[in-house]
Amino acid sequence: MSDPVAIQSSPEGYTARVNSDGQLSTESEVTNAVDTQPAIGSLTRTSVTVQVTSGTLVAALAGRRGLFLQNQGANPVFLRFAAAAATAADWLVAPGAEFREARFPYEGEIRAIAVGGTSVVLVVEVAS
């Protein structure tokens, strides 16, 4: 067992220890919970056909908290997280692959380009 540490904001003075299994244990039951994630205000789902020339895949969105992209087409897609032209040197999303980030506070534009032909990308954005 490790040395006990005080649980912050506990007027009762609860202490916690890390047990031999690496788990946090308390001497008394702690019954309150703290939500550490912002509430979801909106969830938007769209399909975008990515062209062989760079274009906007996802517009800038204030309050974006999550982003999920799935390349549903047969051609590779490259992503650039900026309002600048995407190239084949940027982030690759192979056919059938996904980009998933549940905690993604980037609020800027995302551009994309397909190589070898167009490709359909499913876009799901989470915003607060």
N, C-alpha and C. Protein backbone atom coordinates (compact mmCIF):
# COMPACT_ATOMS: atom_id res chain seq x y z
N MET A 1 0.84 -1.18 0.00
CA MET A 1 0.00 0.00 0.00
C MET A 1 0.88 1.23 0.00
N SER A 2 0.33 2.27 -0.62
CA SER A 2 1.05 3.54 -0.66
C SER A 2 0.63 4.40 0.51
N ASP A 3 1.33 5.51 0.67
CA ASP A 3 0.94 6.47 1.70
C ASP A 3 -0.42 7.05 1.34
N PRO A 4 -1.28 7.31 2.33
CA PRO A 4 -2.61 7.86 2.02
C PRO A 4 -2.51 9.30 1.53
N VAL A 5 -3.46 9.68 0.68
CA VAL A 5 -3.57 11.06 0.22
C VAL A 5 -4.97 11.55 0.52
N ALA A 6 -5.11 12.82 0.85
CA ALA A 6 -6.43 13.39 1.11
C ALA A 6 -7.16 13.59 -0.20
N ILE A 7 -8.45 13.31 -0.20
CA ILE A 7 -9.27 13.55 -1.38
C ILE A 7 -9.67 15.02 -1.35
N GLN A 8 -9.35 15.73 -2.42
CA GLN A 8 -9.63 17.16 -2.46
C GLN A 8 -11.11 17.44 -2.34
N SER A 9 -11.43 18.55 -1.75
CA SER A 9 -12.81 19.02 -1.58
C SER A 9 -13.64 18.08 -0.72
N SER A 10 -13.00 17.32 0.13
CA SER A 10 -13.73 16.42 1.01
C SER A 10 -13.74 16.99 2.42
N PRO A 11 -14.86 17.59 2.85
CA PRO A 11 -14.90 18.15 4.21
C PRO A 11 -14.81 17.07 5.28
N GLU A 12 -15.15 15.83 4.90
CA GLU A 12 -15.09 14.74 5.86
C GLU A 12 -13.67 14.23 6.07
N GLY A 13 -12.72 14.65 5.22
CA GLY A 13 -11.34 14.24 5.37
C GLY A 13 -11.08 12.81 4.93
N TYR A 14 -11.81 12.31 3.95
CA TYR A 14 -11.57 10.96 3.45
C TYR A 14 -10.14 10.83 2.95
N THR A 15 -9.59 9.65 3.05
CA THR A 15 -8.27 9.39 2.49
C THR A 15 -8.39 8.25 1.49
N ALA A 16 -7.43 8.20 0.58
CA ALA A 16 -7.42 7.16 -0.44
C ALA A 16 -6.02 6.59 -0.52
N ARG A 17 -5.96 5.31 -0.89
CA ARG A 17 -4.68 4.63 -1.08
C ARG A 17 -4.73 3.87 -2.40
N VAL A 18 -3.57 3.64 -2.97
CA VAL A 18 -3.47 2.75 -4.12
C VAL A 18 -3.11 1.38 -3.57
N ASN A 19 -3.99 0.38 -3.83
CA ASN A 19 -3.76 -0.95 -3.29
C ASN A 19 -2.73 -1.71 -4.13
N SER A 20 -2.44 -2.95 -3.74
CA SER A 20 -1.41 -3.74 -4.41
C SER A 20 -1.78 -4.08 -5.86
N ASP A 21 -3.07 -3.94 -6.22
CA ASP A 21 -3.51 -4.17 -7.61
C ASP A 21 -3.46 -2.90 -8.44
N GLY A 22 -3.01 -1.79 -7.82
CA GLY A 22 -2.94 -0.53 -8.52
C GLY A 22 -4.26 0.21 -8.58
N GLN A 23 -5.24 -0.20 -7.77
CA GLN A 23 -6.55 0.44 -7.75
C GLN A 23 -6.64 1.41 -6.59
N LEU A 24 -7.46 2.44 -6.77
CA LEU A 24 -7.67 3.43 -5.73
C LEU A 24 -8.71 2.89 -4.77
N SER A 25 -8.39 2.89 -3.47
CA SER A 25 -9.36 2.45 -2.47
C SER A 25 -9.49 3.52 -1.40
N THR A 26 -10.68 3.60 -0.83
CA THR A 26 -10.94 4.60 0.22
C THR A 26 -11.35 3.88 1.49
N GLU A 27 -11.11 4.55 2.60
CA GLU A 27 -11.51 3.98 3.89
C GLU A 27 -13.00 4.09 4.11
N SER A 28 -13.62 5.07 3.47
CA SER A 28 -15.06 5.28 3.58
C SER A 28 -15.63 5.32 2.18
N GLU A 29 -16.91 5.02 2.06
CA GLU A 29 -17.55 5.05 0.76
C GLU A 29 -17.70 6.50 0.29
N VAL A 30 -17.30 6.74 -0.94
CA VAL A 30 -17.46 8.05 -1.55
C VAL A 30 -18.67 7.95 -2.46
N THR A 31 -19.69 8.76 -2.21
CA THR A 31 -20.95 8.60 -2.92
C THR A 31 -21.23 9.68 -3.95
N ASN A 32 -20.41 10.70 -4.03
CA ASN A 32 -20.68 11.73 -5.03
C ASN A 32 -19.85 11.47 -6.28
N ALA A 33 -20.35 11.90 -7.43
CA ALA A 33 -19.65 11.72 -8.69
C ALA A 33 -19.43 13.08 -9.33
N VAL A 34 -18.37 13.18 -10.10
CA VAL A 34 -18.06 14.43 -10.78
C VAL A 34 -18.03 14.14 -12.28
N ASP A 35 -18.82 14.89 -13.05
CA ASP A 35 -18.81 14.76 -14.49
C ASP A 35 -17.65 15.57 -15.04
N THR A 36 -16.71 14.91 -15.70
CA THR A 36 -15.51 15.60 -16.17
C THR A 36 -15.56 15.91 -17.67
N GLN A 37 -16.66 15.56 -18.34
CA GLN A 37 -16.78 15.84 -19.76
C GLN A 37 -17.89 16.85 -19.99
N PRO A 38 -17.69 17.77 -20.96
CA PRO A 38 -18.75 18.72 -21.24
C PRO A 38 -19.95 18.00 -21.85
N ALA A 39 -21.11 18.55 -21.61
CA ALA A 39 -22.33 17.96 -22.15
C ALA A 39 -22.34 18.08 -23.67
N ILE A 40 -22.94 17.10 -24.33
CA ILE A 40 -23.08 17.14 -25.77
C ILE A 40 -24.28 18.01 -26.10
N GLY A 41 -24.06 19.02 -26.91
CA GLY A 41 -25.16 19.89 -27.32
C GLY A 41 -25.74 19.47 -28.65
N SER A 42 -24.89 18.94 -29.55
CA SER A 42 -25.38 18.52 -30.85
C SER A 42 -24.48 17.43 -31.42
N LEU A 43 -25.09 16.61 -32.25
CA LEU A 43 -24.40 15.54 -32.96
C LEU A 43 -24.86 15.65 -34.40
N THR A 44 -23.90 15.88 -35.31
CA THR A 44 -24.24 16.08 -36.72
C THR A 44 -23.60 14.98 -37.55
N ARG A 45 -24.40 14.35 -38.42
CA ARG A 45 -23.93 13.26 -39.28
C ARG A 45 -24.17 13.66 -40.73
N THR A 46 -23.10 13.63 -41.54
CA THR A 46 -23.22 13.95 -42.97
C THR A 46 -22.31 13.02 -43.77
N SER A 47 -22.62 12.88 -45.04
CA SER A 47 -21.74 12.18 -45.98
C SER A 47 -21.22 13.19 -46.98
N VAL A 48 -19.93 13.16 -47.21
CA VAL A 48 -19.29 14.12 -48.11
C VAL A 48 -18.52 13.35 -49.17
N THR A 49 -18.71 13.74 -50.43
CA THR A 49 -17.91 13.16 -51.51
C THR A 49 -16.65 13.98 -51.65
N VAL A 50 -15.52 13.35 -51.38
CA VAL A 50 -14.22 14.03 -51.48
C VAL A 50 -13.72 13.90 -52.91
N GLN A 51 -13.31 15.02 -53.47
CA GLN A 51 -12.88 15.10 -54.86
C GLN A 51 -11.36 14.87 -54.98
N VAL A 52 -10.88 14.82 -56.22
CA VAL A 52 -9.45 14.64 -56.47
C VAL A 52 -8.69 15.97 -56.41
N THR A 53 -9.40 17.03 -56.12
CA THR A 53 -8.78 18.32 -55.83
C THR A 53 -9.16 18.69 -54.40
N SER A 54 -8.30 19.38 -53.71
CA SER A 54 -8.54 19.70 -52.30
C SER A 54 -9.79 20.55 -52.12
N GLY A 55 -10.56 20.20 -51.10
CA GLY A 55 -11.75 20.97 -50.77
C GLY A 55 -12.08 20.83 -49.30
N THR A 56 -13.06 21.59 -48.86
CA THR A 56 -13.46 21.56 -47.45
C THR A 56 -14.25 20.28 -47.17
N LEU A 57 -13.77 19.50 -46.22
CA LEU A 57 -14.49 18.32 -45.76
C LEU A 57 -15.40 18.69 -44.59
N VAL A 58 -14.84 19.46 -43.64
CA VAL A 58 -15.57 19.88 -42.45
C VAL A 58 -15.30 21.37 -42.24
N ALA A 59 -16.36 22.15 -42.15
CA ALA A 59 -16.22 23.59 -41.91
C ALA A 59 -15.79 23.84 -40.47
N ALA A 60 -15.22 24.99 -40.23
CA ALA A 60 -14.87 25.39 -38.86
C ALA A 60 -16.13 25.37 -38.01
N LEU A 61 -15.98 24.95 -36.74
CA LEU A 61 -17.14 24.86 -35.85
C LEU A 61 -16.71 25.20 -34.43
N ALA A 62 -17.19 26.34 -33.93
CA ALA A 62 -16.92 26.71 -32.54
C ALA A 62 -17.63 25.72 -31.63
N GLY A 63 -16.93 25.22 -30.64
CA GLY A 63 -17.52 24.29 -29.68
C GLY A 63 -17.41 22.83 -30.09
N ARG A 64 -16.65 22.52 -31.16
CA ARG A 64 -16.48 21.11 -31.55
C ARG A 64 -15.77 20.36 -30.43
N ARG A 65 -16.30 19.21 -30.05
CA ARG A 65 -15.71 18.42 -28.97
C ARG A 65 -15.32 17.01 -29.40
N GLY A 66 -15.80 16.57 -30.54
CA GLY A 66 -15.47 15.24 -31.03
C GLY A 66 -15.62 15.18 -32.53
N LEU A 67 -14.88 14.27 -33.16
CA LEU A 67 -14.95 14.13 -34.61
C LEU A 67 -14.70 12.67 -34.97
N PHE A 68 -15.56 12.14 -35.81
CA PHE A 68 -15.43 10.77 -36.29
C PHE A 68 -15.56 10.79 -37.81
N LEU A 69 -14.57 10.26 -38.51
CA LEU A 69 -14.58 10.21 -39.97
C LEU A 69 -14.37 8.77 -40.41
N GLN A 70 -15.14 8.35 -41.40
CA GLN A 70 -14.98 6.99 -41.95
C GLN A 70 -14.93 7.10 -43.47
N ASN A 71 -13.84 6.61 -44.06
CA ASN A 71 -13.70 6.59 -45.51
C ASN A 71 -14.49 5.39 -46.03
N GLN A 72 -15.66 5.65 -46.59
CA GLN A 72 -16.53 4.59 -47.08
C GLN A 72 -16.31 4.29 -48.56
N GLY A 73 -15.38 5.02 -49.18
CA GLY A 73 -15.11 4.84 -50.60
C GLY A 73 -13.97 3.87 -50.85
N ALA A 74 -13.61 3.75 -52.13
CA ALA A 74 -12.57 2.81 -52.54
C ALA A 74 -11.20 3.46 -52.73
N ASN A 75 -11.12 4.77 -52.50
CA ASN A 75 -9.87 5.48 -52.72
C ASN A 75 -9.37 6.13 -51.43
N PRO A 76 -8.04 6.24 -51.29
CA PRO A 76 -7.49 6.89 -50.09
C PRO A 76 -7.85 8.38 -50.05
N VAL A 77 -8.02 8.89 -48.83
CA VAL A 77 -8.32 10.30 -48.59
C VAL A 77 -7.25 10.84 -47.65
N PHE A 78 -6.79 12.05 -47.94
CA PHE A 78 -5.81 12.71 -47.09
C PHE A 78 -6.45 13.94 -46.46
N LEU A 79 -6.20 14.15 -45.16
CA LEU A 79 -6.80 15.24 -44.40
C LEU A 79 -5.76 16.26 -44.01
N ARG A 80 -6.15 17.53 -44.06
CA ARG A 80 -5.31 18.61 -43.54
C ARG A 80 -6.16 19.39 -42.54
N PHE A 81 -5.64 19.51 -41.33
CA PHE A 81 -6.34 20.20 -40.25
C PHE A 81 -5.96 21.68 -40.28
N ALA A 82 -6.39 22.35 -41.35
CA ALA A 82 -6.11 23.78 -41.57
C ALA A 82 -6.92 24.23 -42.77
N ALA A 83 -7.03 25.54 -42.93
CA ALA A 83 -7.72 26.11 -44.09
C ALA A 83 -6.71 26.29 -45.22
N ALA A 84 -6.01 25.22 -45.53
CA ALA A 84 -5.02 25.21 -46.61
C ALA A 84 -5.22 23.92 -47.40
N ALA A 85 -4.75 23.91 -48.63
CA ALA A 85 -4.98 22.77 -49.51
C ALA A 85 -4.40 21.47 -48.92
N ALA A 86 -5.21 20.42 -48.94
CA ALA A 86 -4.75 19.09 -48.54
C ALA A 86 -3.92 18.49 -49.66
N THR A 87 -2.91 17.70 -49.29
CA THR A 87 -2.06 17.02 -50.27
C THR A 87 -1.86 15.58 -49.83
N ALA A 88 -1.23 14.79 -50.68
CA ALA A 88 -0.96 13.39 -50.37
C ALA A 88 0.12 13.24 -49.29
N ALA A 89 0.63 14.34 -48.77
CA ALA A 89 1.60 14.31 -47.67
C ALA A 89 0.92 14.48 -46.32
N ASP A 90 -0.41 14.65 -46.31
CA ASP A 90 -1.14 14.90 -45.06
C ASP A 90 -1.64 13.58 -44.45
N TRP A 91 -2.55 13.69 -43.47
CA TRP A 91 -3.06 12.55 -42.69
C TRP A 91 -3.84 11.61 -43.60
N LEU A 92 -3.42 10.34 -43.71
CA LEU A 92 -4.06 9.35 -44.57
C LEU A 92 -5.22 8.65 -43.86
N VAL A 93 -6.35 8.58 -44.55
CA VAL A 93 -7.47 7.73 -44.12
C VAL A 93 -7.70 6.76 -45.27
N ALA A 94 -7.21 5.54 -45.12
CA ALA A 94 -7.28 4.53 -46.18
C ALA A 94 -8.73 4.11 -46.41
N PRO A 95 -9.04 3.50 -47.56
CA PRO A 95 -10.39 3.00 -47.80
C PRO A 95 -10.84 2.07 -46.68
N GLY A 96 -12.02 2.32 -46.14
CA GLY A 96 -12.55 1.51 -45.04
C GLY A 96 -12.03 1.89 -43.67
N ALA A 97 -11.06 2.80 -43.61
CA ALA A 97 -10.47 3.18 -42.32
C ALA A 97 -11.23 4.36 -41.70
N GLU A 98 -10.90 4.63 -40.43
CA GLU A 98 -11.57 5.68 -39.68
C GLU A 98 -10.56 6.59 -38.99
N PHE A 99 -10.99 7.82 -38.76
CA PHE A 99 -10.32 8.75 -37.86
C PHE A 99 -11.33 9.00 -36.77
N ARG A 100 -10.97 8.67 -35.52
CA ARG A 100 -11.91 8.84 -34.41
C ARG A 100 -11.21 9.56 -33.27
N GLU A 101 -11.84 10.60 -32.81
CA GLU A 101 -11.31 11.31 -31.65
C GLU A 101 -12.48 11.86 -30.86
N ALA A 102 -12.76 11.22 -29.72
CA ALA A 102 -13.89 11.61 -28.89
C ALA A 102 -13.65 12.95 -28.20
N ARG A 103 -12.40 13.24 -27.90
CA ARG A 103 -12.06 14.52 -27.25
C ARG A 103 -11.18 15.30 -28.21
N PHE A 104 -11.82 16.05 -29.07
CA PHE A 104 -11.13 16.72 -30.17
C PHE A 104 -11.53 18.18 -30.18
N PRO A 105 -10.85 19.04 -29.43
CA PRO A 105 -11.26 20.43 -29.32
C PRO A 105 -10.85 21.31 -30.51
N TYR A 106 -10.29 20.75 -31.57
CA TYR A 106 -9.91 21.54 -32.75
C TYR A 106 -11.18 22.10 -33.40
N GLU A 107 -11.26 23.41 -33.55
CA GLU A 107 -12.47 24.05 -34.06
C GLU A 107 -12.33 24.59 -35.48
N GLY A 108 -11.16 24.39 -36.08
CA GLY A 108 -10.91 24.94 -37.42
C GLY A 108 -11.43 24.07 -38.54
N GLU A 109 -11.19 24.54 -39.75
CA GLU A 109 -11.60 23.84 -40.96
C GLU A 109 -10.73 22.61 -41.19
N ILE A 110 -11.32 21.59 -41.81
CA ILE A 110 -10.58 20.39 -42.19
C ILE A 110 -10.77 20.20 -43.69
N ARG A 111 -9.66 20.14 -44.41
CA ARG A 111 -9.71 19.96 -45.86
C ARG A 111 -9.31 18.53 -46.21
N ALA A 112 -9.76 18.08 -47.38
CA ALA A 112 -9.48 16.71 -47.81
C ALA A 112 -9.26 16.65 -49.31
N ILE A 113 -8.53 15.61 -49.71
CA ILE A 113 -8.32 15.30 -51.12
C ILE A 113 -8.32 13.79 -51.27
N ALA A 114 -8.95 13.29 -52.35
CA ALA A 114 -8.94 11.86 -52.65
C ALA A 114 -7.91 11.61 -53.75
N VAL A 115 -7.32 10.43 -53.73
CA VAL A 115 -6.32 10.07 -54.73
C VAL A 115 -6.82 8.86 -55.50
N GLY A 116 -6.82 8.96 -56.84
CA GLY A 116 -7.25 7.85 -57.69
C GLY A 116 -8.72 7.89 -58.03
N GLY A 117 -9.45 8.86 -57.56
CA GLY A 117 -10.89 8.99 -57.81
C GLY A 117 -11.58 9.49 -56.57
N THR A 118 -12.84 9.87 -56.71
CA THR A 118 -13.58 10.39 -55.57
C THR A 118 -13.80 9.32 -54.51
N SER A 119 -14.13 9.75 -53.31
CA SER A 119 -14.40 8.83 -52.21
C SER A 119 -15.41 9.48 -51.27
N VAL A 120 -16.34 8.69 -50.74
CA VAL A 120 -17.35 9.19 -49.82
C VAL A 120 -16.85 9.01 -48.39
N VAL A 121 -16.94 10.10 -47.61
CA VAL A 121 -16.51 10.07 -46.20
C VAL A 121 -17.72 10.39 -45.32
N LEU A 122 -17.98 9.52 -44.36
CA LEU A 122 -19.00 9.78 -43.36
C LEU A 122 -18.37 10.65 -42.29
N VAL A 123 -19.04 11.75 -41.94
CA VAL A 123 -18.54 12.71 -40.95
C VAL A 123 -19.55 12.80 -39.81
N VAL A 124 -19.08 12.58 -38.58
CA VAL A 124 -19.91 12.78 -37.40
C VAL A 124 -19.17 13.76 -36.49
N GLU A 125 -19.82 14.89 -36.21
CA GLU A 125 -19.24 15.91 -35.34
C GLU A 125 -20.03 16.00 -34.06
N VAL A 126 -19.32 16.15 -32.95
CA VAL A 126 -19.93 16.36 -31.64
C VAL A 126 -19.57 17.77 -31.20
N ALA A 127 -20.57 18.54 -30.81
CA ALA A 127 -20.33 19.91 -30.37
C ALA A 127 -21.05 20.16 -29.04
N SER A 128 -20.54 21.14 -28.31
CA SER A 128 -21.18 21.46 -27.02
C SER A 128 -22.15 22.60 -27.21
